[in-house]
Amino acid sequence: EGQIILYDTFLNDVSMTEILPEIETKTLVICGENDILKSPKHSLRIHQNIKGSEYVVLPECGHVSIFEKPNELITLLLGFVLKNK
């Protein structure tokens, strides 16, 4: 069900900005410095609308950080999970 909502959001360009402040869980917003699909500006706006979220820009990285910067991404994710467990 979650994937359907996600696909619908992308296909219909639904703005979810207004519900971001409702997120109460620890959140890490990661983006690639050279992401042309969702720019760092877009990710920054997400971060600014989620209270207490963390924001990281991966240098020299595009949209698919898991393939472009796997070690850096894993380090970020593990650090975030360990810090917030």
PDB file of N, CA and C in Angstrom:
ATOM      1  N   GLU A   1       0.831  -1.196   0.000  1.00  0.00           N
ATOM      2  CA  GLU A   1       0.000   0.000   0.000  1.00  0.00           C
ATOM      3  C   GLU A   1       0.876   1.259   0.000  1.00  0.00           C
ATOM      4  N   GLY A   2       1.960   1.238   0.775  1.00  0.00           N
ATOM      5  CA  GLY A   2       2.854   2.389   0.829  1.00  0.00           C
ATOM      6  C   GLY A   2       3.501   2.681  -0.508  1.00  0.00           C
ATOM      7  N   GLN A   3       3.876   1.611  -1.235  1.00  0.00           N
ATOM      8  CA  GLN A   3       4.495   1.801  -2.547  1.00  0.00           C
ATOM      9  C   GLN A   3       3.511   2.415  -3.533  1.00  0.00           C
ATOM     10  N   ILE A   4       2.269   2.022  -3.443  1.00  0.00           N
ATOM     11  CA  ILE A   4       1.249   2.579  -4.337  1.00  0.00           C
ATOM     12  C   ILE A   4       1.119   4.079  -4.096  1.00  0.00           C
ATOM     13  N   ILE A   5       1.095   4.472  -2.832  1.00  0.00           N
ATOM     14  CA  ILE A   5       1.009   5.901  -2.502  1.00  0.00           C
ATOM     15  C   ILE A   5       2.241   6.627  -3.026  1.00  0.00           C
ATOM     16  N   LEU A   6       3.419   6.020  -2.851  1.00  0.00           N
ATOM     17  CA  LEU A   6       4.654   6.630  -3.325  1.00  0.00           C
ATOM     18  C   LEU A   6       4.634   6.813  -4.839  1.00  0.00           C
ATOM     19  N   TYR A   7       4.279   5.760  -5.572  1.00  0.00           N
ATOM     20  CA  TYR A   7       4.219   5.856  -7.031  1.00  0.00           C
ATOM     21  C   TYR A   7       3.202   6.900  -7.464  1.00  0.00           C
ATOM     22  N   ASP A   8       2.061   6.920  -6.814  1.00  0.00           N
ATOM     23  CA  ASP A   8       1.017   7.892  -7.136  1.00  0.00           C
ATOM     24  C   ASP A   8       1.528   9.314  -6.921  1.00  0.00           C
ATOM     25  N   THR A   9       2.285   9.500  -5.861  1.00  0.00           N
ATOM     26  CA  THR A   9       2.847  10.815  -5.561  1.00  0.00           C
ATOM     27  C   THR A   9       3.768  11.275  -6.680  1.00  0.00           C
ATOM     28  N   PHE A  10       4.648  10.389  -7.139  1.00  0.00           N
ATOM     29  CA  PHE A  10       5.569  10.764  -8.208  1.00  0.00           C
ATOM     30  C   PHE A  10       4.851  10.960  -9.539  1.00  0.00           C
ATOM     31  N   LEU A  11       3.931  10.080  -9.846  1.00  0.00           N
ATOM     32  CA  LEU A  11       3.241  10.163 -11.130  1.00  0.00           C
ATOM     33  C   LEU A  11       2.335  11.382 -11.219  1.00  0.00           C
ATOM     34  N   ASN A  12       1.722  11.744 -10.116  1.00  0.00           N
ATOM     35  CA  ASN A  12       0.779  12.861 -10.133  1.00  0.00           C
ATOM     36  C   ASN A  12       1.360  14.139  -9.554  1.00  0.00           C
ATOM     37  N   ASP A  13       2.655  14.136  -9.255  1.00  0.00           N
ATOM     38  CA  ASP A  13       3.343  15.312  -8.734  1.00  0.00           C
ATOM     39  C   ASP A  13       2.598  15.910  -7.540  1.00  0.00           C
ATOM     40  N   VAL A  14       2.208  15.048  -6.619  1.00  0.00           N
ATOM     41  CA  VAL A  14       1.487  15.479  -5.428  1.00  0.00           C
ATOM     42  C   VAL A  14       2.466  16.142  -4.467  1.00  0.00           C
ATOM     43  N   SER A  15       2.105  17.304  -3.954  1.00  0.00           N
ATOM     44  CA  SER A  15       2.940  17.976  -2.968  1.00  0.00           C
ATOM     45  C   SER A  15       2.572  17.479  -1.582  1.00  0.00           C
ATOM     46  N   MET A  16       3.562  17.000  -0.870  1.00  0.00           N
ATOM     47  CA  MET A  16       3.316  16.508   0.482  1.00  0.00           C
ATOM     48  C   MET A  16       3.929  17.446   1.522  1.00  0.00           C
ATOM     49  N   THR A  17       4.390  18.603   1.071  1.00  0.00           N
ATOM     50  CA  THR A  17       5.049  19.545   1.968  1.00  0.00           C
ATOM     51  C   THR A  17       4.195  19.886   3.172  1.00  0.00           C
ATOM     52  N   GLU A  18       2.897  20.028   2.961  1.00  0.00           N
ATOM     53  CA  GLU A  18       2.030  20.448   4.063  1.00  0.00           C
ATOM     54  C   GLU A  18       1.916  19.406   5.175  1.00  0.00           C
ATOM     55  N   ILE A  19       2.203  18.145   4.892  1.00  0.00           N
ATOM     56  CA  ILE A  19       2.105  17.135   5.957  1.00  0.00           C
ATOM     57  C   ILE A  19       3.458  16.827   6.608  1.00  0.00           C
ATOM     58  N   LEU A  20       4.533  17.382   6.084  1.00  0.00           N
ATOM     59  CA  LEU A  20       5.852  17.123   6.658  1.00  0.00           C
ATOM     60  C   LEU A  20       5.941  17.513   8.135  1.00  0.00           C
ATOM     61  N   PRO A  21       5.361  18.641   8.556  1.00  0.00           N
ATOM     62  CA  PRO A  21       5.437  19.000   9.977  1.00  0.00           C
ATOM     63  C   PRO A  21       4.767  17.984  10.909  1.00  0.00           C
ATOM     64  N   GLU A  22       3.952  17.102  10.371  1.00  0.00           N
ATOM     65  CA  GLU A  22       3.288  16.086  11.192  1.00  0.00           C
ATOM     66  C   GLU A  22       4.216  14.918  11.541  1.00  0.00           C
ATOM     67  N   ILE A  23       5.344  14.817  10.859  1.00  0.00           N
ATOM     68  CA  ILE A  23       6.283  13.724  11.111  1.00  0.00           C
ATOM     69  C   ILE A  23       6.961  13.965  12.456  1.00  0.00           C
ATOM     70  N   GLU A  24       6.862  12.972  13.332  1.00  0.00           N
ATOM     71  CA  GLU A  24       7.421  13.111  14.678  1.00  0.00           C
ATOM     72  C   GLU A  24       8.578  12.160  14.948  1.00  0.00           C
ATOM     73  N   THR A  25       8.904  11.314  13.996  1.00  0.00           N
ATOM     74  CA  THR A  25       9.982  10.348  14.189  1.00  0.00           C
ATOM     75  C   THR A  25      11.319  10.967  13.783  1.00  0.00           C
ATOM     76  N   LYS A  26      12.388  10.411  14.293  1.00  0.00           N
ATOM     77  CA  LYS A  26      13.724  10.868  13.906  1.00  0.00           C
ATOM     78  C   LYS A  26      13.864  10.682  12.400  1.00  0.00           C
ATOM     79  N   THR A  27      14.362  11.704  11.733  1.00  0.00           N
ATOM     80  CA  THR A  27      14.415  11.676  10.271  1.00  0.00           C
ATOM     81  C   THR A  27      15.766  12.173   9.777  1.00  0.00           C
ATOM     82  N   LEU A  28      16.333  11.443   8.836  1.00  0.00           N
ATOM     83  CA  LEU A  28      17.574  11.839   8.186  1.00  0.00           C
ATOM     84  C   LEU A  28      17.259  12.092   6.718  1.00  0.00           C
ATOM     85  N   VAL A  29      17.484  13.309   6.278  1.00  0.00           N
ATOM     86  CA  VAL A  29      17.252  13.684   4.879  1.00  0.00           C
ATOM     87  C   VAL A  29      18.618  13.720   4.197  1.00  0.00           C
ATOM     88  N   ILE A  30      18.791  12.856   3.201  1.00  0.00           N
ATOM     89  CA  ILE A  30      20.061  12.762   2.484  1.00  0.00           C
ATOM     90  C   ILE A  30      19.816  13.095   1.023  1.00  0.00           C
ATOM     91  N   CYS A  31      20.693  13.904   0.464  1.00  0.00           N
ATOM     92  CA  CYS A  31      20.571  14.187  -0.972  1.00  0.00           C
ATOM     93  C   CYS A  31      21.956  14.253  -1.590  1.00  0.00           C
ATOM     94  N   GLY A  32      21.981  14.103  -2.895  1.00  0.00           N
ATOM     95  CA  GLY A  32      23.225  14.222  -3.633  1.00  0.00           C
ATOM     96  C   GLY A  32      23.418  15.650  -4.109  1.00  0.00           C
ATOM     97  N   GLU A  33      24.617  16.119  -4.005  1.00  0.00           N
ATOM     98  CA  GLU A  33      24.956  17.483  -4.418  1.00  0.00           C
ATOM     99  C   GLU A  33      24.556  17.757  -5.871  1.00  0.00           C
ATOM    100  N   ASN A  34      24.671  16.743  -6.724  1.00  0.00           N
ATOM    101  CA  ASN A  34      24.399  16.913  -8.153  1.00  0.00           C
ATOM    102  C   ASN A  34      23.112  16.228  -8.599  1.00  0.00           C
ATOM    103  N   ASP A  35      22.185  16.038  -7.678  1.00  0.00           N
ATOM    104  CA  ASP A  35      20.914  15.376  -8.000  1.00  0.00           C
ATOM    105  C   ASP A  35      20.093  16.279  -8.920  1.00  0.00           C
ATOM    106  N   ILE A  36      19.783  15.777 -10.120  1.00  0.00           N
ATOM    107  CA  ILE A  36      18.983  16.575 -11.055  1.00  0.00           C
ATOM    108  C   ILE A  36      17.503  16.199 -11.015  1.00  0.00           C
ATOM    109  N   LEU A  37      17.165  15.092 -10.341  1.00  0.00           N
ATOM    110  CA  LEU A  37      15.757  14.707 -10.218  1.00  0.00           C
ATOM    111  C   LEU A  37      15.086  15.443  -9.068  1.00  0.00           C
ATOM    112  N   LYS A  38      15.740  15.478  -7.931  1.00  0.00           N
ATOM    113  CA  LYS A  38      15.264  16.216  -6.753  1.00  0.00           C
ATOM    114  C   LYS A  38      16.471  16.967  -6.208  1.00  0.00           C
ATOM    115  N   SER A  39      16.526  18.246  -6.453  1.00  0.00           N
ATOM    116  CA  SER A  39      17.702  19.045  -6.115  1.00  0.00           C
ATOM    117  C   SER A  39      17.909  19.142  -4.605  1.00  0.00           C
ATOM    118  N   PRO A  40      19.127  19.490  -4.187  1.00  0.00           N
ATOM    119  CA  PRO A  40      19.375  19.715  -2.767  1.00  0.00           C
ATOM    120  C   PRO A  40      18.425  20.765  -2.172  1.00  0.00           C
ATOM    121  N   LYS A  41      17.994  21.706  -2.981  1.00  0.00           N
ATOM    122  CA  LYS A  41      17.029  22.716  -2.519  1.00  0.00           C
ATOM    123  C   LYS A  41      15.717  22.048  -2.094  1.00  0.00           C
ATOM    124  N   HIS A  42      15.295  21.069  -2.868  1.00  0.00           N
ATOM    125  CA  HIS A  42      14.076  20.320  -2.560  1.00  0.00           C
ATOM    126  C   HIS A  42      14.252  19.553  -1.247  1.00  0.00           C
ATOM    127  N   SER A  43      15.387  18.894  -1.102  1.00  0.00           N
ATOM    128  CA  SER A  43      15.662  18.129   0.120  1.00  0.00           C
ATOM    129  C   SER A  43      15.792  19.044   1.330  1.00  0.00           C
ATOM    130  N   LEU A  44      16.372  20.209   1.135  1.00  0.00           N
ATOM    131  CA  LEU A  44      16.492  21.176   2.226  1.00  0.00           C
ATOM    132  C   LEU A  44      15.108  21.607   2.707  1.00  0.00           C
ATOM    133  N   ARG A  45      14.202  21.802   1.775  1.00  0.00           N
ATOM    134  CA  ARG A  45      12.831  22.179   2.144  1.00  0.00           C
ATOM    135  C   ARG A  45      12.168  21.069   2.960  1.00  0.00           C
ATOM    136  N   ILE A  46      12.422  19.829   2.593  1.00  0.00           N
ATOM    137  CA  ILE A  46      11.899  18.704   3.374  1.00  0.00           C
ATOM    138  C   ILE A  46      12.464  18.770   4.793  1.00  0.00           C
ATOM    139  N   HIS A  47      13.770  18.919   4.891  1.00  0.00           N
ATOM    140  CA  HIS A  47      14.438  19.009   6.195  1.00  0.00           C
ATOM    141  C   HIS A  47      13.867  20.156   7.036  1.00  0.00           C
ATOM    142  N   GLN A  48      13.683  21.296   6.434  1.00  0.00           N
ATOM    143  CA  GLN A  48      13.193  22.468   7.167  1.00  0.00           C
ATOM    144  C   GLN A  48      11.766  22.287   7.670  1.00  0.00           C
ATOM    145  N   ASN A  49      11.033  21.378   7.072  1.00  0.00           N
ATOM    146  CA  ASN A  49       9.642  21.157   7.458  1.00  0.00           C
ATOM    147  C   ASN A  49       9.444  19.958   8.387  1.00  0.00           C
ATOM    148  N   ILE A  50      10.522  19.250   8.712  1.00  0.00           N
ATOM    149  CA  ILE A  50      10.429  18.131   9.653  1.00  0.00           C
ATOM    150  C   ILE A  50      11.234  18.514  10.893  1.00  0.00           C
ATOM    151  N   LYS A  51      10.532  18.806  11.963  1.00  0.00           N
ATOM    152  CA  LYS A  51      11.161  19.271  13.197  1.00  0.00           C
ATOM    153  C   LYS A  51      12.206  18.267  13.693  1.00  0.00           C
ATOM    154  N   GLY A  52      13.408  18.775  13.954  1.00  0.00           N
ATOM    155  CA  GLY A  52      14.471  17.944  14.505  1.00  0.00           C
ATOM    156  C   GLY A  52      15.158  17.033  13.514  1.00  0.00           C
ATOM    157  N   SER A  53      14.828  17.153  12.237  1.00  0.00           N
ATOM    158  CA  SER A  53      15.458  16.279  11.239  1.00  0.00           C
ATOM    159  C   SER A  53      16.913  16.680  11.023  1.00  0.00           C
ATOM    160  N   GLU A  54      17.667  15.761  10.463  1.00  0.00           N
ATOM    161  CA  GLU A  54      19.053  16.023  10.094  1.00  0.00           C
ATOM    162  C   GLU A  54      19.134  16.066   8.572  1.00  0.00           C
ATOM    163  N   TYR A  55      20.063  16.866   8.068  1.00  0.00           N
ATOM    164  CA  TYR A  55      20.190  17.085   6.624  1.00  0.00           C
ATOM    165  C   TYR A  55      21.646  16.893   6.217  1.00  0.00           C
ATOM    166  N   VAL A  56      21.866  16.031   5.233  1.00  0.00           N
ATOM    167  CA  VAL A  56      23.216  15.767   4.745  1.00  0.00           C
ATOM    168  C   VAL A  56      23.214  15.820   3.222  1.00  0.00           C
ATOM    169  N   VAL A  57      24.182  16.545   2.674  1.00  0.00           N
ATOM    170  CA  VAL A  57      24.379  16.582   1.226  1.00  0.00           C
ATOM    171  C   VAL A  57      25.638  15.773   0.918  1.00  0.00           C
ATOM    172  N   LEU A  58      25.486  14.758   0.081  1.00  0.00           N
ATOM    173  CA  LEU A  58      26.638  13.955  -0.330  1.00  0.00           C
ATOM    174  C   LEU A  58      27.337  14.648  -1.499  1.00  0.00           C
ATOM    175  N   PRO A  59      28.591  15.046  -1.329  1.00  0.00           N
ATOM    176  CA  PRO A  59      29.310  15.723  -2.404  1.00  0.00           C
ATOM    177  C   PRO A  59      29.550  14.799  -3.600  1.00  0.00           C
ATOM    178  N   GLU A  60      29.578  15.406  -4.763  1.00  0.00           N
ATOM    179  CA  GLU A  60      29.851  14.680  -6.010  1.00  0.00           C
ATOM    180  C   GLU A  60      28.957  13.458  -6.172  1.00  0.00           C
ATOM    181  N   CYS A  61      27.685  13.625  -5.862  1.00  0.00           N
ATOM    182  CA  CYS A  61      26.735  12.520  -5.931  1.00  0.00           C
ATOM    183  C   CYS A  61      25.450  13.005  -6.591  1.00  0.00           C
ATOM    184  N   GLY A  62      24.830  12.115  -7.350  1.00  0.00           N
ATOM    185  CA  GLY A  62      23.566  12.436  -7.999  1.00  0.00           C
ATOM    186  C   GLY A  62      22.391  11.902  -7.201  1.00  0.00           C
ATOM    187  N   HIS A  63      21.411  11.332  -7.894  1.00  0.00           N
ATOM    188  CA  HIS A  63      20.166  10.893  -7.268  1.00  0.00           C
ATOM    189  C   HIS A  63      20.250   9.496  -6.648  1.00  0.00           C
ATOM    190  N   VAL A  64      21.176   8.673  -7.112  1.00  0.00           N
ATOM    191  CA  VAL A  64      21.199   7.272  -6.681  1.00  0.00           C
ATOM    192  C   VAL A  64      22.430   7.027  -5.801  1.00  0.00           C
ATOM    193  N   SER A  65      22.387   7.575  -4.614  1.00  0.00           N
ATOM    194  CA  SER A  65      23.549   7.531  -3.717  1.00  0.00           C
ATOM    195  C   SER A  65      23.978   6.111  -3.359  1.00  0.00           C
ATOM    196  N   ILE A  66      23.061   5.176  -3.310  1.00  0.00           N
ATOM    197  CA  ILE A  66      23.415   3.802  -2.954  1.00  0.00           C
ATOM    198  C   ILE A  66      24.381   3.184  -3.975  1.00  0.00           C
ATOM    199  N   PHE A  67      24.328   3.647  -5.213  1.00  0.00           N
ATOM    200  CA  PHE A  67      25.253   3.157  -6.241  1.00  0.00           C
ATOM    201  C   PHE A  67      26.458   4.078  -6.406  1.00  0.00           C
ATOM    202  N   GLU A  68      26.235   5.373  -6.226  1.00  0.00           N
ATOM    203  CA  GLU A  68      27.301   6.350  -6.456  1.00  0.00           C
ATOM    204  C   GLU A  68      28.244   6.506  -5.265  1.00  0.00           C
ATOM    205  N   LYS A  69      27.694   6.451  -4.076  1.00  0.00           N
ATOM    206  CA  LYS A  69      28.474   6.646  -2.847  1.00  0.00           C
ATOM    207  C   LYS A  69      28.036   5.635  -1.781  1.00  0.00           C
ATOM    208  N   PRO A  70      28.126   4.337  -2.083  1.00  0.00           N
ATOM    209  CA  PRO A  70      27.594   3.336  -1.147  1.00  0.00           C
ATOM    210  C   PRO A  70      28.245   3.368   0.236  1.00  0.00           C
ATOM    211  N   ASN A  71      29.552   3.497   0.297  1.00  0.00           N
ATOM    212  CA  ASN A  71      30.225   3.489   1.602  1.00  0.00           C
ATOM    213  C   ASN A  71      29.828   4.690   2.446  1.00  0.00           C
ATOM    214  N   GLU A  72      29.786   5.854   1.825  1.00  0.00           N
ATOM    215  CA  GLU A  72      29.401   7.064   2.546  1.00  0.00           C
ATOM    216  C   GLU A  72      27.957   6.964   3.033  1.00  0.00           C
ATOM    217  N   LEU A  73      27.083   6.451   2.176  1.00  0.00           N
ATOM    218  CA  LEU A  73      25.675   6.323   2.542  1.00  0.00           C
ATOM    219  C   LEU A  73      25.501   5.346   3.703  1.00  0.00           C
ATOM    220  N   ILE A  74      26.147   4.204   3.625  1.00  0.00           N
ATOM    221  CA  ILE A  74      26.037   3.209   4.697  1.00  0.00           C
ATOM    222  C   ILE A  74      26.566   3.777   6.014  1.00  0.00           C
ATOM    223  N   THR A  75      27.673   4.501   5.953  1.00  0.00           N
ATOM    224  CA  THR A  75      28.219   5.129   7.158  1.00  0.00           C
ATOM    225  C   THR A  75      27.219   6.107   7.762  1.00  0.00           C
ATOM    226  N   LEU A  76      26.599   6.926   6.918  1.00  0.00           N
ATOM    227  CA  LEU A  76      25.588   7.878   7.398  1.00  0.00           C
ATOM    228  C   LEU A  76      24.405   7.162   8.033  1.00  0.00           C
ATOM    229  N   LEU A  77      23.897   6.153   7.348  1.00  0.00           N
ATOM    230  CA  LEU A  77      22.721   5.437   7.842  1.00  0.00           C
ATOM    231  C   LEU A  77      23.009   4.700   9.148  1.00  0.00           C
ATOM    232  N   LEU A  78      24.135   4.007   9.204  1.00  0.00           N
ATOM    233  CA  LEU A  78      24.489   3.290  10.435  1.00  0.00           C
ATOM    234  C   LEU A  78      24.681   4.255  11.598  1.00  0.00           C
ATOM    235  N   GLY A  79      25.364   5.352  11.340  1.00  0.00           N
ATOM    236  CA  GLY A  79      25.569   6.354  12.383  1.00  0.00           C
ATOM    237  C   GLY A  79      24.255   6.911  12.889  1.00  0.00           C
ATOM    238  N   PHE A  80      23.347   7.188  11.979  1.00  0.00           N
ATOM    239  CA  PHE A  80      22.039   7.733  12.348  1.00  0.00           C
ATOM    240  C   PHE A  80      21.241   6.724  13.171  1.00  0.00           C
ATOM    241  N   VAL A  81      21.231   5.476  12.728  1.00  0.00           N
ATOM    242  CA  VAL A  81      20.481   4.433  13.443  1.00  0.00           C
ATOM    243  C   VAL A  81      21.066   4.210  14.838  1.00  0.00           C
ATOM    244  N   LEU A  82      22.379   4.099  14.931  1.00  0.00           N
ATOM    245  CA  LEU A  82      23.012   3.863  16.231  1.00  0.00           C
ATOM    246  C   LEU A  82      22.789   5.031  17.188  1.00  0.00           C
ATOM    247  N   LYS A  83      22.835   6.230  16.666  1.00  0.00           N
ATOM    248  CA  LYS A  83      22.633   7.417  17.494  1.00  0.00           C
ATOM    249  C   LYS A  83      21.196   7.520  17.996  1.00  0.00           C
ATOM    250  N   ASN A  84      20.258   6.983  17.239  1.00  0.00           N
ATOM    251  CA  ASN A  84      18.837   7.158  17.560  1.00  0.00           C
ATOM    252  C   ASN A  84      18.139   5.893  18.032  1.00  0.00           C
ATOM    253  N   LYS A  85      18.908   4.857  18.370  1.00  0.00           N
ATOM    254  CA  LYS A  85      18.238   3.611  18.800  1.00  0.00           C
ATOM    255  C   LYS A  85      17.744   3.700  20.228  1.00  0.00           C
TER     256      LYS A  85
END
